[in-house]
Amino acid sequence: MVFAALFALATALVGLATAQAETARAHDDCPHFDLDDLWASIEDLDVIVVGEVVALGGAPAVQPEVYLKGSAIAQDLRFSTAPSECPRAEEPSEGARVVVGLRRDGRTFQWPVPAALFVVEGGIATNGGDAPVSLPEDELVSRIREVSGQYAVLAVDESEGASIDWLRVVLPVTLAAILILGIALVLLRIWHRIDPEG
């Protein structure tokens, strides 16, 4: 009788521990910023961006200003409406500046968890995790950059995005190359007159 009770208690404890481990793994799988282990956090995210919250067709999106990780694409980042096992961060008001870590979900992104979304007010970035973290935006961005090695600012207009200035770069370089080649040919001809056998 005592043995059966002990066995039942042990089985219940193992079941509880397994359930807690699965819950912990599910939460650990949700991309977030762990400021004590930024390397692992940043590796787990597809895109890290500083931007402004906007509404597109009634749904929130982020208009990027600076990419701290990922391809710097000049378009609003839209969020998936698919359900997720990860807890969702509270939606910031339209126009709020954010530093946010995102994971792709097809052509859109998963809505971030509270620990992956920092709202910036007055230069201070605050997330909404279980134990909210506040630090200066510059410090947060610097710490992320130290790991990601990226700080990609989007072009403001088409002239900033131009890769080659044909009129001010290519044309003068081409003319200089032709002039140098011409001088070299003249000097070669003069040398052949001085030393025809050379």
C-alpha atoms as a PDB file:
ATOM      1  CA  MET A   1       0.000   0.000   0.000  1.00  0.00           C
ATOM      2  CA  VAL A   2       2.765   2.414   0.991  1.00  0.00           C
ATOM      3  CA  PHE A   3       4.755   1.395  -2.066  1.00  0.00           C
ATOM      4  CA  ALA A   4       1.799   2.141  -4.380  1.00  0.00           C
ATOM      5  CA  ALA A   5       1.309   5.573  -2.778  1.00  0.00           C
ATOM      6  CA  LEU A   6       5.032   6.395  -3.166  1.00  0.00           C
ATOM      7  CA  PHE A   7       4.959   5.218  -6.781  1.00  0.00           C
ATOM      8  CA  ALA A   8       1.900   7.384  -7.522  1.00  0.00           C
ATOM      9  CA  LEU A   9       3.571  10.406  -5.875  1.00  0.00           C
ATOM     10  CA  ALA A  10       6.803   9.866  -7.850  1.00  0.00           C
ATOM     11  CA  THR A  11       4.837   9.531 -11.106  1.00  0.00           C
ATOM     12  CA  ALA A  12       2.944  12.753 -10.381  1.00  0.00           C
ATOM     13  CA  LEU A  13       6.206  14.623  -9.625  1.00  0.00           C
ATOM     14  CA  VAL A  14       7.833  13.373 -12.821  1.00  0.00           C
ATOM     15  CA  GLY A  15       4.750  14.418 -14.818  1.00  0.00           C
ATOM     16  CA  LEU A  16       4.789  17.878 -13.214  1.00  0.00           C
ATOM     17  CA  ALA A  17       8.515  18.309 -13.890  1.00  0.00           C
ATOM     18  CA  THR A  18       8.040  17.235 -17.519  1.00  0.00           C
ATOM     19  CA  ALA A  19       5.157  19.696 -17.995  1.00  0.00           C
ATOM     20  CA  GLN A  20       7.211  22.517 -16.481  1.00  0.00           C
ATOM     21  CA  ALA A  21      10.204  21.643 -18.692  1.00  0.00           C
ATOM     22  CA  GLU A  22       7.995  21.671 -21.801  1.00  0.00           C
ATOM     23  CA  THR A  23       6.518  25.029 -20.758  1.00  0.00           C
ATOM     24  CA  ALA A  24      10.009  26.424 -20.171  1.00  0.00           C
ATOM     25  CA  ARG A  25      11.199  25.161 -23.555  1.00  0.00           C
ATOM     26  CA  ALA A  26       8.178  26.696 -25.273  1.00  0.00           C
ATOM     27  CA  HIS A  27       8.903  30.037 -23.586  1.00  0.00           C
ATOM     28  CA  ASP A  28      12.640  29.793 -24.314  1.00  0.00           C
ATOM     29  CA  ASP A  29      11.792  29.235 -27.974  1.00  0.00           C
ATOM     30  CA  CYS A  30      10.030  32.605 -28.112  1.00  0.00           C
ATOM     31  CA  PRO A  31      12.552  35.132 -29.442  1.00  0.00           C
ATOM     32  CA  HIS A  32      13.445  37.761 -26.844  1.00  0.00           C
ATOM     33  CA  PHE A  33      16.288  39.989 -25.644  1.00  0.00           C
ATOM     34  CA  ASP A  34      18.258  38.578 -22.740  1.00  0.00           C
ATOM     35  CA  LEU A  35      20.647  41.432 -21.936  1.00  0.00           C
ATOM     36  CA  ASP A  36      22.837  39.015 -19.940  1.00  0.00           C
ATOM     37  CA  ASP A  37      23.238  36.733 -22.977  1.00  0.00           C
ATOM     38  CA  LEU A  38      22.728  39.000 -25.996  1.00  0.00           C
ATOM     39  CA  TRP A  39      24.694  36.705 -28.295  1.00  0.00           C
ATOM     40  CA  ALA A  40      22.170  33.863 -28.015  1.00  0.00           C
ATOM     41  CA  SER A  41      19.228  36.284 -28.129  1.00  0.00           C
ATOM     42  CA  ILE A  42      20.411  37.995 -31.309  1.00  0.00           C
ATOM     43  CA  GLU A  43      21.203  34.679 -32.995  1.00  0.00           C
ATOM     44  CA  ASP A  44      17.579  33.633 -32.343  1.00  0.00           C
ATOM     45  CA  LEU A  45      16.131  36.717 -34.108  1.00  0.00           C
ATOM     46  CA  ASP A  46      15.824  37.304 -37.868  1.00  0.00           C
ATOM     47  CA  VAL A  47      15.544  41.100 -37.790  1.00  0.00           C
ATOM     48  CA  ILE A  48      16.292  43.763 -35.194  1.00  0.00           C
ATOM     49  CA  VAL A  49      15.040  47.199 -36.079  1.00  0.00           C
ATOM     50  CA  VAL A  50      14.608  50.669 -34.636  1.00  0.00           C
ATOM     51  CA  GLY A  51      11.468  52.210 -36.040  1.00  0.00           C
ATOM     52  CA  GLU A  52       8.055  53.767 -35.585  1.00  0.00           C
ATOM     53  CA  VAL A  53       4.766  51.957 -35.071  1.00  0.00           C
ATOM     54  CA  VAL A  54       2.300  52.675 -37.896  1.00  0.00           C
ATOM     55  CA  ALA A  55      -1.134  51.356 -38.835  1.00  0.00           C
ATOM     56  CA  LEU A  56      -1.555  49.642 -42.212  1.00  0.00           C
ATOM     57  CA  GLY A  57      -5.152  48.799 -43.003  1.00  0.00           C
ATOM     58  CA  GLY A  58      -5.985  48.869 -39.298  1.00  0.00           C
ATOM     59  CA  ALA A  59      -3.172  46.452 -38.414  1.00  0.00           C
ATOM     60  CA  PRO A  60       0.035  47.565 -36.670  1.00  0.00           C
ATOM     61  CA  ALA A  61       3.373  47.528 -38.491  1.00  0.00           C
ATOM     62  CA  VAL A  62       6.828  48.977 -37.917  1.00  0.00           C
ATOM     63  CA  GLN A  63       8.279  51.605 -40.236  1.00  0.00           C
ATOM     64  CA  PRO A  64      12.043  50.993 -40.009  1.00  0.00           C
ATOM     65  CA  GLU A  65      14.618  53.733 -39.428  1.00  0.00           C
ATOM     66  CA  VAL A  66      17.692  51.628 -38.629  1.00  0.00           C
ATOM     67  CA  TYR A  67      18.405  47.916 -38.995  1.00  0.00           C
ATOM     68  CA  LEU A  68      20.611  46.375 -36.309  1.00  0.00           C
ATOM     69  CA  LYS A  69      20.287  42.913 -37.858  1.00  0.00           C
ATOM     70  CA  GLY A  70      18.857  41.626 -41.128  1.00  0.00           C
ATOM     71  CA  SER A  71      18.473  42.928 -44.672  1.00  0.00           C
ATOM     72  CA  ALA A  72      17.774  46.665 -44.689  1.00  0.00           C
ATOM     73  CA  ILE A  73      14.587  46.862 -46.737  1.00  0.00           C
ATOM     74  CA  ALA A  74      12.829  50.218 -47.102  1.00  0.00           C
ATOM     75  CA  GLN A  75       9.304  48.964 -46.479  1.00  0.00           C
ATOM     76  CA  ASP A  76       7.038  48.635 -43.473  1.00  0.00           C
ATOM     77  CA  LEU A  77       7.390  45.401 -41.504  1.00  0.00           C
ATOM     78  CA  ARG A  78       3.992  43.741 -41.179  1.00  0.00           C
ATOM     79  CA  PHE A  79       2.934  41.299 -38.477  1.00  0.00           C
ATOM     80  CA  SER A  80       1.279  37.921 -38.839  1.00  0.00           C
ATOM     81  CA  THR A  81      -2.228  37.455 -37.499  1.00  0.00           C
ATOM     82  CA  ALA A  82      -1.685  33.710 -37.001  1.00  0.00           C
ATOM     83  CA  PRO A  83      -2.019  32.482 -33.397  1.00  0.00           C
ATOM     84  CA  SER A  84       1.218  31.799 -31.544  1.00  0.00           C
ATOM     85  CA  GLU A  85       2.225  29.909 -28.401  1.00  0.00           C
ATOM     86  CA  CYS A  86       4.397  32.870 -27.416  1.00  0.00           C
ATOM     87  CA  PRO A  87       2.913  35.617 -25.231  1.00  0.00           C
ATOM     88  CA  ARG A  88       2.239  38.799 -27.204  1.00  0.00           C
ATOM     89  CA  ALA A  89       3.640  42.158 -26.158  1.00  0.00           C
ATOM     90  CA  GLU A  90       1.150  44.939 -25.563  1.00  0.00           C
ATOM     91  CA  GLU A  91       0.619  46.887 -28.780  1.00  0.00           C
ATOM     92  CA  PRO A  92       2.312  50.321 -28.586  1.00  0.00           C
ATOM     93  CA  SER A  93       0.337  53.355 -29.674  1.00  0.00           C
ATOM     94  CA  GLU A  94       0.672  54.534 -33.258  1.00  0.00           C
ATOM     95  CA  GLY A  95       3.687  56.812 -33.676  1.00  0.00           C
ATOM     96  CA  ALA A  96       5.651  55.221 -30.804  1.00  0.00           C
ATOM     97  CA  ARG A  97       9.358  54.610 -31.420  1.00  0.00           C
ATOM     98  CA  VAL A  98      10.463  51.043 -30.739  1.00  0.00           C
ATOM     99  CA  VAL A  99      13.533  48.819 -30.724  1.00  0.00           C
ATOM    100  CA  VAL A 100      12.179  45.397 -31.605  1.00  0.00           C
ATOM    101  CA  GLY A 101      13.525  41.922 -32.313  1.00  0.00           C
ATOM    102  CA  LEU A 102      11.469  39.945 -34.835  1.00  0.00           C
ATOM    103  CA  ARG A 103      11.244  36.409 -36.187  1.00  0.00           C
ATOM    104  CA  ARG A 104       9.942  35.731 -39.690  1.00  0.00           C
ATOM    105  CA  ASP A 105       6.608  34.025 -40.225  1.00  0.00           C
ATOM    106  CA  GLY A 106       6.403  33.543 -43.999  1.00  0.00           C
ATOM    107  CA  ARG A 107       6.266  37.005 -45.603  1.00  0.00           C
ATOM    108  CA  THR A 108       5.403  38.698 -42.317  1.00  0.00           C
ATOM    109  CA  PHE A 109       6.808  38.634 -38.787  1.00  0.00           C
ATOM    110  CA  GLN A 110       5.584  37.118 -35.535  1.00  0.00           C
ATOM    111  CA  TRP A 111       4.264  39.666 -33.091  1.00  0.00           C
ATOM    112  CA  PRO A 112       7.103  40.102 -30.551  1.00  0.00           C
ATOM    113  CA  VAL A 113       7.012  38.854 -26.983  1.00  0.00           C
ATOM    114  CA  PRO A 114       7.141  41.515 -24.214  1.00  0.00           C
ATOM    115  CA  ALA A 115      10.887  40.991 -23.642  1.00  0.00           C
ATOM    116  CA  ALA A 116      11.637  41.589 -27.364  1.00  0.00           C
ATOM    117  CA  LEU A 117       9.872  44.952 -27.677  1.00  0.00           C
ATOM    118  CA  PHE A 118      11.383  48.104 -26.194  1.00  0.00           C
ATOM    119  CA  VAL A 119       9.270  51.262 -26.377  1.00  0.00           C
ATOM    120  CA  VAL A 120      11.383  54.437 -26.475  1.00  0.00           C
ATOM    121  CA  GLU A 121      10.155  57.499 -24.615  1.00  0.00           C
ATOM    122  CA  GLY A 122      12.403  60.452 -23.846  1.00  0.00           C
ATOM    123  CA  GLY A 123      15.494  58.517 -24.919  1.00  0.00           C
ATOM    124  CA  ILE A 124      14.765  55.634 -22.496  1.00  0.00           C
ATOM    125  CA  ALA A 125      13.928  52.184 -23.899  1.00  0.00           C
ATOM    126  CA  THR A 126      11.634  50.036 -21.724  1.00  0.00           C
ATOM    127  CA  ASN A 127      10.408  46.523 -22.450  1.00  0.00           C
ATOM    128  CA  GLY A 128       7.308  44.865 -21.060  1.00  0.00           C
ATOM    129  CA  GLY A 129       8.762  41.617 -19.778  1.00  0.00           C
ATOM    130  CA  ASP A 130       7.960  39.937 -16.453  1.00  0.00           C
ATOM    131  CA  ALA A 131      10.691  42.106 -14.924  1.00  0.00           C
ATOM    132  CA  PRO A 132      10.640  45.245 -17.121  1.00  0.00           C
ATOM    133  CA  VAL A 133      14.051  46.559 -18.147  1.00  0.00           C
ATOM    134  CA  SER A 134      14.771  50.251 -18.787  1.00  0.00           C
ATOM    135  CA  LEU A 135      17.973  51.674 -20.219  1.00  0.00           C
ATOM    136  CA  PRO A 136      18.991  54.538 -22.513  1.00  0.00           C
ATOM    137  CA  GLU A 137      18.199  53.858 -26.175  1.00  0.00           C
ATOM    138  CA  ASP A 138      21.802  54.638 -27.186  1.00  0.00           C
ATOM    139  CA  GLU A 139      23.128  52.055 -24.727  1.00  0.00           C
ATOM    140  CA  LEU A 140      20.690  49.384 -25.925  1.00  0.00           C
ATOM    141  CA  VAL A 141      21.547  50.045 -29.581  1.00  0.00           C
ATOM    142  CA  SER A 142      25.294  50.022 -28.808  1.00  0.00           C
ATOM    143  CA  ARG A 143      25.062  46.712 -26.957  1.00  0.00           C
ATOM    144  CA  ILE A 144      23.138  45.110 -29.826  1.00  0.00           C
ATOM    145  CA  ARG A 145      25.597  46.522 -32.408  1.00  0.00           C
ATOM    146  CA  GLU A 146      28.551  45.055 -30.512  1.00  0.00           C
ATOM    147  CA  VAL A 147      27.098  41.603 -31.169  1.00  0.00           C
ATOM    148  CA  SER A 148      25.427  42.035 -34.576  1.00  0.00           C
ATOM    149  CA  GLY A 149      28.073  44.323 -36.087  1.00  0.00           C
ATOM    150  CA  GLN A 150      25.381  46.112 -38.088  1.00  0.00           C
ATOM    151  CA  TYR A 151      23.892  49.600 -38.212  1.00  0.00           C
ATOM    152  CA  ALA A 152      22.140  50.083 -41.558  1.00  0.00           C
ATOM    153  CA  VAL A 153      20.373  53.411 -42.038  1.00  0.00           C
ATOM    154  CA  LEU A 154      17.841  53.551 -44.845  1.00  0.00           C
ATOM    155  CA  ALA A 155      18.316  56.077 -47.658  1.00  0.00           C
ATOM    156  CA  VAL A 156      16.126  59.168 -47.237  1.00  0.00           C
ATOM    157  CA  ASP A 157      15.856  59.866 -50.979  1.00  0.00           C
ATOM    158  CA  GLU A 158      16.953  58.330 -54.285  1.00  0.00           C
ATOM    159  CA  SER A 159      20.232  60.256 -54.438  1.00  0.00           C
ATOM    160  CA  GLU A 160      21.405  58.590 -51.203  1.00  0.00           C
ATOM    161  CA  GLY A 161      20.689  55.177 -52.614  1.00  0.00           C
ATOM    162  CA  ALA A 162      22.562  55.792 -55.890  1.00  0.00           C
ATOM    163  CA  SER A 163      25.528  53.454 -56.210  1.00  0.00           C
ATOM    164  CA  ILE A 164      27.429  55.252 -59.021  1.00  0.00           C
ATOM    165  CA  ASP A 165      27.478  58.913 -59.979  1.00  0.00           C
ATOM    166  CA  TRP A 166      28.186  58.665 -63.708  1.00  0.00           C
ATOM    167  CA  LEU A 167      28.680  62.388 -64.288  1.00  0.00           C
ATOM    168  CA  ARG A 168      30.890  63.223 -61.311  1.00  0.00           C
ATOM    169  CA  VAL A 169      32.790  59.944 -60.914  1.00  0.00           C
ATOM    170  CA  VAL A 170      32.828  57.694 -63.987  1.00  0.00           C
ATOM    171  CA  LEU A 171      33.296  60.415 -66.637  1.00  0.00           C
ATOM    172  CA  PRO A 172      36.296  62.148 -64.939  1.00  0.00           C
ATOM    173  CA  VAL A 173      37.973  58.807 -64.185  1.00  0.00           C
ATOM    174  CA  THR A 174      37.497  57.672 -67.804  1.00  0.00           C
ATOM    175  CA  LEU A 175      38.917  60.954 -69.161  1.00  0.00           C
ATOM    176  CA  ALA A 176      41.903  60.707 -66.798  1.00  0.00           C
ATOM    177  CA  ALA A 177      42.563  57.111 -67.916  1.00  0.00           C
ATOM    178  CA  ILE A 178      42.436  58.147 -71.622  1.00  0.00           C
ATOM    179  CA  LEU A 179      44.807  61.073 -70.944  1.00  0.00           C
ATOM    180  CA  ILE A 180      47.307  58.831 -69.115  1.00  0.00           C
ATOM    181  CA  LEU A 181      47.142  56.236 -71.927  1.00  0.00           C
ATOM    182  CA  GLY A 182      47.707  58.994 -74.531  1.00  0.00           C
ATOM    183  CA  ILE A 183      50.746  60.313 -72.649  1.00  0.00           C
ATOM    184  CA  ALA A 184      52.128  56.774 -72.355  1.00  0.00           C
ATOM    185  CA  LEU A 185      51.754  56.211 -76.146  1.00  0.00           C
ATOM    186  CA  VAL A 186      53.478  59.542 -76.930  1.00  0.00           C
ATOM    187  CA  LEU A 187      56.352  58.684 -74.590  1.00  0.00           C
ATOM    188  CA  LEU A 188      56.623  55.210 -76.141  1.00  0.00           C
ATOM    189  CA  ARG A 189      56.813  56.744 -79.667  1.00  0.00           C
ATOM    190  CA  ILE A 190      59.501  59.215 -78.513  1.00  0.00           C
ATOM    191  CA  TRP A 191      61.478  56.333 -76.977  1.00  0.00           C
ATOM    192  CA  HIS A 192      61.344  54.384 -80.248  1.00  0.00           C
ATOM    193  CA  ARG A 193      62.790  57.407 -82.105  1.00  0.00           C
ATOM    194  CA  ILE A 194      65.656  57.654 -79.601  1.00  0.00           C
ATOM    195  CA  ASP A 195      66.364  53.923 -79.547  1.00  0.00           C
ATOM    196  CA  PRO A 196      64.769  52.294 -82.636  1.00  0.00           C
ATOM    197  CA  GLU A 197      66.167  48.878 -81.781  1.00  0.00           C
ATOM    198  CA  GLY A 198      64.990  48.995 -78.121  1.00  0.00           C
END
